[in-house]
All heavy atoms as atom14 arrays in JSON, in Angstrom:
{
  "sequence": "TQAGSPAELFSECARRHQQLHNYSTSLVAINDEMS",
  "atom14_mask": [
    [1, 1, 1, 1, 1, 1, 1, 0, 0, 0, 0, 0, 0, 0],
    [1, 1, 1, 1, 1, 1, 1, 1, 1, 0, 0, 0, 0, 0],
    [1, 1, 1, 1, 1, 0, 0, 0, 0, 0, 0, 0, 0, 0],
    [1, 1, 1, 1, 0, 0, 0, 0, 0, 0, 0, 0, 0, 0],
    [1, 1, 1, 1, 1, 1, 0, 0, 0, 0, 0, 0, 0, 0],
    [1, 1, 1, 1, 1, 1, 1, 0, 0, 0, 0, 0, 0, 0],
    [1, 1, 1, 1, 1, 0, 0, 0, 0, 0, 0, 0, 0, 0],
    [1, 1, 1, 1, 1, 1, 1, 1, 1, 0, 0, 0, 0, 0],
    [1, 1, 1, 1, 1, 1, 1, 1, 0, 0, 0, 0, 0, 0],
    [1, 1, 1, 1, 1, 1, 1, 1, 1, 1, 1, 0, 0, 0],
    [1, 1, 1, 1, 1, 1, 0, 0, 0, 0, 0, 0, 0, 0],
    [1, 1, 1, 1, 1, 1, 1, 1, 1, 0, 0, 0, 0, 0],
    [1, 1, 1, 1, 1, 1, 0, 0, 0, 0, 0, 0, 0, 0],
    [1, 1, 1, 1, 1, 0, 0, 0, 0, 0, 0, 0, 0, 0],
    [1, 1, 1, 1, 1, 1, 1, 1, 1, 1, 1, 0, 0, 0],
    [1, 1, 1, 1, 1, 1, 1, 1, 1, 1, 1, 0, 0, 0],
    [1, 1, 1, 1, 1, 1, 1, 1, 1, 1, 0, 0, 0, 0],
    [1, 1, 1, 1, 1, 1, 1, 1, 1, 0, 0, 0, 0, 0],
    [1, 1, 1, 1, 1, 1, 1, 1, 1, 0, 0, 0, 0, 0],
    [1, 1, 1, 1, 1, 1, 1, 1, 0, 0, 0, 0, 0, 0],
    [1, 1, 1, 1, 1, 1, 1, 1, 1, 1, 0, 0, 0, 0],
    [1, 1, 1, 1, 1, 1, 1, 1, 0, 0, 0, 0, 0, 0],
    [1, 1, 1, 1, 1, 1, 1, 1, 1, 1, 1, 1, 0, 0],
    [1, 1, 1, 1, 1, 1, 0, 0, 0, 0, 0, 0, 0, 0],
    [1, 1, 1, 1, 1, 1, 1, 0, 0, 0, 0, 0, 0, 0],
    [1, 1, 1, 1, 1, 1, 0, 0, 0, 0, 0, 0, 0, 0],
    [1, 1, 1, 1, 1, 1, 1, 1, 0, 0, 0, 0, 0, 0],
    [1, 1, 1, 1, 1, 1, 1, 0, 0, 0, 0, 0, 0, 0],
    [1, 1, 1, 1, 1, 0, 0, 0, 0, 0, 0, 0, 0, 0],
    [1, 1, 1, 1, 1, 1, 1, 1, 0, 0, 0, 0, 0, 0],
    [1, 1, 1, 1, 1, 1, 1, 1, 0, 0, 0, 0, 0, 0],
    [1, 1, 1, 1, 1, 1, 1, 1, 0, 0, 0, 0, 0, 0],
    [1, 1, 1, 1, 1, 1, 1, 1, 1, 0, 0, 0, 0, 0],
    [1, 1, 1, 1, 1, 1, 1, 1, 0, 0, 0, 0, 0, 0],
    [1, 1, 1, 1, 1, 1, 0, 0, 0, 0, 0, 0, 0, 0]
  ],
  "atom14_positions": [
    [[0.81, -1.21, 0.0], [0.0, 0.0, 0.0], [0.85, 1.26, 0.0], [2.0, 1.24, 0.41], [-0.94, 0.0, 1.23], [-1.76, 1.16, 1.18], [-0.15, -0.01, 2.53], [0.0, 0.0, 0.0], [0.0, 0.0, 0.0], [0.0, 0.0, 0.0], [0.0, 0.0, 0.0], [0.0, 0.0, 0.0], [0.0, 0.0, 0.0], [0.0, 0.0, 0.0]],
    [[0.23, 2.33, -0.43], [0.84, 3.66, -0.34], [0.17, 4.46, 0.78], [0.49, 5.63, 0.97], [0.68, 4.4, -1.67], [1.43, 3.76, -2.83], [2.91, 3.68, -2.58], [3.53, 4.65, -2.15], [3.51, 2.52, -2.83], [0.0, 0.0, 0.0], [0.0, 0.0, 0.0], [0.0, 0.0, 0.0], [0.0, 0.0, 0.0], [0.0, 0.0, 0.0]],
    [[-0.76, 3.84, 1.51], [-1.47, 4.53, 2.59], [-0.47, 5.02, 3.63], [0.41, 4.28, 4.05], [-2.5, 3.61, 3.22], [0.0, 0.0, 0.0], [0.0, 0.0, 0.0], [0.0, 0.0, 0.0], [0.0, 0.0, 0.0], [0.0, 0.0, 0.0], [0.0, 0.0, 0.0], [0.0, 0.0, 0.0], [0.0, 0.0, 0.0], [0.0, 0.0, 0.0]],
    [[-0.65, 6.25, 4.06], [0.25, 6.82, 5.06], [-0.3, 6.79, 6.46], [0.42, 7.04, 7.43], [0.0, 0.0, 0.0], [0.0, 0.0, 0.0], [0.0, 0.0, 0.0], [0.0, 0.0, 0.0], [0.0, 0.0, 0.0], [0.0, 0.0, 0.0], [0.0, 0.0, 0.0], [0.0, 0.0, 0.0], [0.0, 0.0, 0.0], [0.0, 0.0, 0.0]],
    [[-1.6, 6.47, 6.6], [-2.25, 6.47, 7.9], [-3.28, 5.35, 7.95], [-3.7, 4.84, 6.91], [-2.95, 7.81, 8.15], [-4.07, 7.93, 7.28], [0.0, 0.0, 0.0], [0.0, 0.0, 0.0], [0.0, 0.0, 0.0], [0.0, 0.0, 0.0], [0.0, 0.0, 0.0], [0.0, 0.0, 0.0], [0.0, 0.0, 0.0], [0.0, 0.0, 0.0]],
    [[-3.71, 4.97, 9.16], [-4.76, 3.97, 9.26], [-6.05, 4.39, 8.54], [-6.73, 3.56, 7.96], [-4.99, 3.83, 10.76], [-3.67, 4.19, 11.36], [-3.15, 5.3, 10.48], [0.0, 0.0, 0.0], [0.0, 0.0, 0.0], [0.0, 0.0, 0.0], [0.0, 0.0, 0.0], [0.0, 0.0, 0.0], [0.0, 0.0, 0.0], [0.0, 0.0, 0.0]],
    [[-6.38, 5.68, 8.57], [-7.59, 6.16, 7.88], [-7.49, 5.89, 6.39], [-8.44, 5.4, 5.76], [-7.8, 7.64, 8.15], [0.0, 0.0, 0.0], [0.0, 0.0, 0.0], [0.0, 0.0, 0.0], [0.0, 0.0, 0.0], [0.0, 0.0, 0.0], [0.0, 0.0, 0.0], [0.0, 0.0, 0.0], [0.0, 0.0, 0.0], [0.0, 0.0, 0.0]],
    [[-6.34, 6.2, 5.79], [-6.13, 5.94, 4.36], [-6.15, 4.44, 4.08], [-6.72, 4.0, 3.08], [-4.82, 6.55, 3.9], [-4.8, 8.06, 3.91], [-3.44, 8.64, 3.59], [-2.5, 7.88, 3.25], [-3.3, 9.87, 3.71], [0.0, 0.0, 0.0], [0.0, 0.0, 0.0], [0.0, 0.0, 0.0], [0.0, 0.0, 0.0], [0.0, 0.0, 0.0]],
    [[-5.57, 3.66, 4.96], [-5.54, 2.22, 4.79], [-6.95, 1.64, 4.88], [-7.32, 0.78, 4.08], [-4.62, 1.57, 5.82], [-4.47, 0.06, 5.72], [-3.86, -0.35, 4.39], [-3.61, -0.46, 6.88], [0.0, 0.0, 0.0], [0.0, 0.0, 0.0], [0.0, 0.0, 0.0], [0.0, 0.0, 0.0], [0.0, 0.0, 0.0], [0.0, 0.0, 0.0]],
    [[-7.75, 2.12, 5.84], [-9.11, 1.62, 5.97], [-9.91, 1.94, 4.71], [-10.67, 1.11, 4.22], [-9.81, 2.2, 7.2], [-11.13, 1.54, 7.48], [-11.19, 0.43, 8.3], [-12.29, 2.01, 6.9], [-12.41, -0.2, 8.55], [-13.51, 1.39, 7.14], [-13.56, 0.29, 7.96], [0.0, 0.0, 0.0], [0.0, 0.0, 0.0], [0.0, 0.0, 0.0]],
    [[-9.73, 3.14, 4.17], [-10.42, 3.51, 2.92], [-10.04, 2.57, 1.8], [-10.89, 2.15, 1.01], [-10.1, 4.95, 2.54], [-10.66, 5.84, 3.47], [0.0, 0.0, 0.0], [0.0, 0.0, 0.0], [0.0, 0.0, 0.0], [0.0, 0.0, 0.0], [0.0, 0.0, 0.0], [0.0, 0.0, 0.0], [0.0, 0.0, 0.0], [0.0, 0.0, 0.0]],
    [[-8.76, 2.23, 1.72], [-8.3, 1.28, 0.7], [-8.95, -0.09, 0.92], [-9.42, -0.73, -0.03], [-6.78, 1.17, 0.75], [-6.2, 0.26, -0.28], [-4.69, 0.18, -0.22], [-4.04, 1.21, 0.08], [-4.15, -0.91, -0.48], [0.0, 0.0, 0.0], [0.0, 0.0, 0.0], [0.0, 0.0, 0.0], [0.0, 0.0, 0.0], [0.0, 0.0, 0.0]],
    [[-9.0, -0.54, 2.17], [-9.61, -1.83, 2.47], [-11.1, -1.8, 2.16], [-11.65, -2.79, 1.67], [-9.37, -2.19, 3.93], [-7.64, -2.55, 4.32], [0.0, 0.0, 0.0], [0.0, 0.0, 0.0], [0.0, 0.0, 0.0], [0.0, 0.0, 0.0], [0.0, 0.0, 0.0], [0.0, 0.0, 0.0], [0.0, 0.0, 0.0], [0.0, 0.0, 0.0]],
    [[-11.77, -0.68, 2.42], [-13.2, -0.57, 2.14], [-13.47, -0.63, 0.64], [-14.52, -1.11, 0.22], [-13.75, 0.72, 2.74], [0.0, 0.0, 0.0], [0.0, 0.0, 0.0], [0.0, 0.0, 0.0], [0.0, 0.0, 0.0], [0.0, 0.0, 0.0], [0.0, 0.0, 0.0], [0.0, 0.0, 0.0], [0.0, 0.0, 0.0], [0.0, 0.0, 0.0]],
    [[-12.54, -0.14, -0.17], [-12.7, -0.27, -1.63], [-12.55, -1.73, -2.05], [-13.22, -2.19, -2.97], [-11.69, 0.61, -2.37], [-12.02, 2.09, -2.3], [-11.16, 2.92, -3.23], [-9.73, 2.86, -2.95], [-9.1, 3.61, -2.06], [-9.77, 4.49, -1.34], [-7.8, 3.49, -1.88], [0.0, 0.0, 0.0], [0.0, 0.0, 0.0], [0.0, 0.0, 0.0]],
    [[-11.69, -2.47, -1.36], [-11.49, -3.89, -1.66], [-12.62, -4.75, -1.12], [-12.94, -5.78, -1.69], [-10.16, -4.37, -1.05], [-8.94, -3.7, -1.64], [-7.68, -4.02, -0.83], [-7.45, -5.43, -0.62], [-6.77, -6.22, -1.42], [-6.25, -5.73, -2.53], [-6.58, -7.49, -1.13], [0.0, 0.0, 0.0], [0.0, 0.0, 0.0], [0.0, 0.0, 0.0]],
    [[-13.17, -4.35, 0.01], [-14.22, -5.11, 0.7], [-15.38, -4.14, 0.95], [-15.45, -3.5, 2.0], [-13.72, -5.66, 2.04], [-12.47, -6.46, 1.94], [-12.45, -7.75, 1.43], [-11.19, -6.16, 2.25], [-11.21, -8.21, 1.46], [-10.43, -7.27, 1.95], [0.0, 0.0, 0.0], [0.0, 0.0, 0.0], [0.0, 0.0, 0.0], [0.0, 0.0, 0.0]],
    [[-16.28, -4.06, 0.0], [-17.32, -3.04, 0.05], [-18.28, -3.19, 1.23], [-19.05, -2.29, 1.52], [-18.06, -3.01, -1.27], [-17.15, -2.57, -2.39], [-17.86, -2.47, -3.72], [-19.04, -2.73, -3.83], [-17.11, -2.09, -4.74], [0.0, 0.0, 0.0], [0.0, 0.0, 0.0], [0.0, 0.0, 0.0], [0.0, 0.0, 0.0], [0.0, 0.0, 0.0]],
    [[-18.21, -4.32, 1.93], [-19.06, -4.51, 3.09], [-18.57, -3.74, 4.32], [-19.29, -3.59, 5.29], [-19.15, -6.01, 3.47], [-19.5, -6.92, 2.32], [-18.26, -7.37, 1.54], [-17.28, -6.66, 1.4], [-18.32, -8.58, 1.01], [0.0, 0.0, 0.0], [0.0, 0.0, 0.0], [0.0, 0.0, 0.0], [0.0, 0.0, 0.0], [0.0, 0.0, 0.0]],
    [[-17.32, -3.28, 4.29], [-16.8, -2.51, 5.42], [-17.53, -1.17, 5.49], [-17.81, -0.55, 4.47], [-15.3, -2.28, 5.28], [-14.41, -3.5, 5.47], [-12.95, -3.13, 5.25], [-14.59, -4.11, 6.85], [0.0, 0.0, 0.0], [0.0, 0.0, 0.0], [0.0, 0.0, 0.0], [0.0, 0.0, 0.0], [0.0, 0.0, 0.0], [0.0, 0.0, 0.0]],
    [[-17.8, -0.74, 6.7], [-18.53, 0.51, 6.89], [-17.61, 1.59, 7.42], [-16.46, 1.33, 7.78], [-19.69, 0.28, 7.86], [-20.69, -0.7, 7.33], [-21.59, -0.39, 6.35], [-20.89, -2.0, 7.62], [-22.33, -1.45, 6.08], [-21.92, -2.45, 6.83], [0.0, 0.0, 0.0], [0.0, 0.0, 0.0], [0.0, 0.0, 0.0], [0.0, 0.0, 0.0]],
    [[-18.15, 2.76, 7.51], [-17.42, 3.93, 7.99], [-16.68, 3.62, 9.29], [-17.24, 3.01, 10.21], [-18.42, 5.07, 8.2], [-17.72, 6.37, 8.49], [-16.72, 6.42, 9.17], [-18.26, 7.43, 7.96], [0.0, 0.0, 0.0], [0.0, 0.0, 0.0], [0.0, 0.0, 0.0], [0.0, 0.0, 0.0], [0.0, 0.0, 0.0], [0.0, 0.0, 0.0]],
    [[-15.46, 4.07, 9.38], [-14.64, 3.77, 10.54], [-14.76, 4.81, 11.66], [-14.17, 4.66, 12.71], [-13.17, 3.66, 10.13], [-12.57, 4.97, 9.68], [-12.06, 5.87, 10.6], [-12.51, 5.31, 8.34], [-11.53, 7.07, 10.19], [-11.97, 6.5, 7.93], [-11.48, 7.38, 8.85], [-10.94, 8.57, 8.45], [0.0, 0.0, 0.0], [0.0, 0.0, 0.0]],
    [[-15.52, 5.87, 11.48], [-15.48, 7.02, 12.38], [-15.66, 6.67, 13.86], [-15.1, 7.33, 14.72], [-16.49, 8.08, 11.96], [-17.8, 7.56, 12.05], [0.0, 0.0, 0.0], [0.0, 0.0, 0.0], [0.0, 0.0, 0.0], [0.0, 0.0, 0.0], [0.0, 0.0, 0.0], [0.0, 0.0, 0.0], [0.0, 0.0, 0.0], [0.0, 0.0, 0.0]],
    [[-16.43, 5.65, 14.17], [-16.61, 5.27, 15.58], [-15.86, 3.98, 15.91], [-16.07, 3.41, 16.99], [-18.11, 5.09, 15.91], [-18.66, 4.1, 15.04], [-18.86, 6.4, 15.77], [0.0, 0.0, 0.0], [0.0, 0.0, 0.0], [0.0, 0.0, 0.0], [0.0, 0.0, 0.0], [0.0, 0.0, 0.0], [0.0, 0.0, 0.0], [0.0, 0.0, 0.0]],
    [[-15.01, 3.55, 15.03], [-14.23, 2.33, 15.24], [-12.9, 2.66, 15.9], [-12.51, 3.82, 16.03], [-13.98, 1.64, 13.89], [-15.2, 1.36, 13.27], [0.0, 0.0, 0.0], [0.0, 0.0, 0.0], [0.0, 0.0, 0.0], [0.0, 0.0, 0.0], [0.0, 0.0, 0.0], [0.0, 0.0, 0.0], [0.0, 0.0, 0.0], [0.0, 0.0, 0.0]],
    [[-12.19, 1.62, 16.28], [-10.88, 1.77, 16.9], [-9.81, 1.15, 16.02], [-10.08, 0.23, 15.24], [-10.87, 1.08, 18.27], [-11.85, 1.62, 19.31], [-11.83, 0.74, 20.56], [-11.53, 3.06, 19.65], [0.0, 0.0, 0.0], [0.0, 0.0, 0.0], [0.0, 0.0, 0.0], [0.0, 0.0, 0.0], [0.0, 0.0, 0.0], [0.0, 0.0, 0.0]],
    [[-8.6, 1.65, 16.17], [-7.47, 1.13, 15.41], [-6.26, 0.97, 16.34], [-6.09, 1.74, 17.29], [-7.12, 2.06, 14.22], [-6.66, 3.43, 14.69], [-6.09, 1.42, 13.31], [0.0, 0.0, 0.0], [0.0, 0.0, 0.0], [0.0, 0.0, 0.0], [0.0, 0.0, 0.0], [0.0, 0.0, 0.0], [0.0, 0.0, 0.0], [0.0, 0.0, 0.0]],
    [[-5.48, -0.04, 16.07], [-4.22, -0.24, 16.78], [-3.13, -0.49, 15.75], [-3.39, -1.05, 14.69], [-4.32, -1.42, 17.74], [0.0, 0.0, 0.0], [0.0, 0.0, 0.0], [0.0, 0.0, 0.0], [0.0, 0.0, 0.0], [0.0, 0.0, 0.0], [0.0, 0.0, 0.0], [0.0, 0.0, 0.0], [0.0, 0.0, 0.0], [0.0, 0.0, 0.0]],
    [[-1.94, -0.04, 16.06], [-0.77, -0.31, 15.22], [0.22, -1.07, 16.09], [0.61, -0.59, 17.16], [-0.13, 1.0, 14.69], [-1.15, 1.79, 13.87], [1.11, 0.68, 13.86], [-0.67, 3.18, 13.47], [0.0, 0.0, 0.0], [0.0, 0.0, 0.0], [0.0, 0.0, 0.0], [0.0, 0.0, 0.0], [0.0, 0.0, 0.0], [0.0, 0.0, 0.0]],
    [[0.59, -2.25, 15.64], [1.53, -3.1, 16.38], [1.09, -3.29, 17.83], [1.88, -3.13, 18.76], [2.95, -2.54, 16.29], [3.41, -2.43, 14.86], [3.11, -3.28, 14.04], [4.11, -1.36, 14.53], [0.0, 0.0, 0.0], [0.0, 0.0, 0.0], [0.0, 0.0, 0.0], [0.0, 0.0, 0.0], [0.0, 0.0, 0.0], [0.0, 0.0, 0.0]],
    [[-0.21, -3.6, 18.01], [-0.81, -3.89, 19.32], [-0.88, -2.7, 20.27], [-1.1, -2.87, 21.46], [-0.1, -5.06, 20.01], [-0.29, -6.37, 19.26], [-1.38, -6.58, 18.7], [0.66, -7.17, 19.23], [0.0, 0.0, 0.0], [0.0, 0.0, 0.0], [0.0, 0.0, 0.0], [0.0, 0.0, 0.0], [0.0, 0.0, 0.0], [0.0, 0.0, 0.0]],
    [[-0.74, -1.47, 19.75], [-0.88, -0.27, 20.56], [-2.03, 0.54, 20.0], [-2.04, 0.86, 18.8], [0.41, 0.58, 20.5], [1.63, -0.14, 20.98], [2.13, 0.39, 22.3], [1.74, 1.49, 22.69], [2.93, -0.32, 22.91], [0.0, 0.0, 0.0], [0.0, 0.0, 0.0], [0.0, 0.0, 0.0], [0.0, 0.0, 0.0], [0.0, 0.0, 0.0]],
    [[-3.01, 0.88, 20.84], [-4.13, 1.69, 20.38], [-3.56, 2.99, 19.78], [-2.64, 3.58, 20.34], [-5.1, 2.0, 21.52], [-5.76, 0.75, 22.1], [-6.49, -0.37, 20.86], [-7.84, 0.62, 20.25], [0.0, 0.0, 0.0], [0.0, 0.0, 0.0], [0.0, 0.0, 0.0], [0.0, 0.0, 0.0], [0.0, 0.0, 0.0], [0.0, 0.0, 0.0]],
    [[-4.12, 3.39, 18.64], [-3.57, 4.51, 17.88], [-4.67, 5.43, 17.4], [-5.86, 5.11, 17.48], [-2.78, 3.98, 16.67], [-1.74, 3.13, 17.09], [0.0, 0.0, 0.0], [0.0, 0.0, 0.0], [0.0, 0.0, 0.0], [0.0, 0.0, 0.0], [0.0, 0.0, 0.0], [0.0, 0.0, 0.0], [0.0, 0.0, 0.0], [0.0, 0.0, 0.0]]
  ]
}
């Protein structure tokens, strides 16, 4: 990926998997650390 942030990465994943929904109220972790 060329995504620079989890938000960009999630958008890329949502294009690949159209069933994914808006992440605005979701949580993200990078390398097991909440981010």
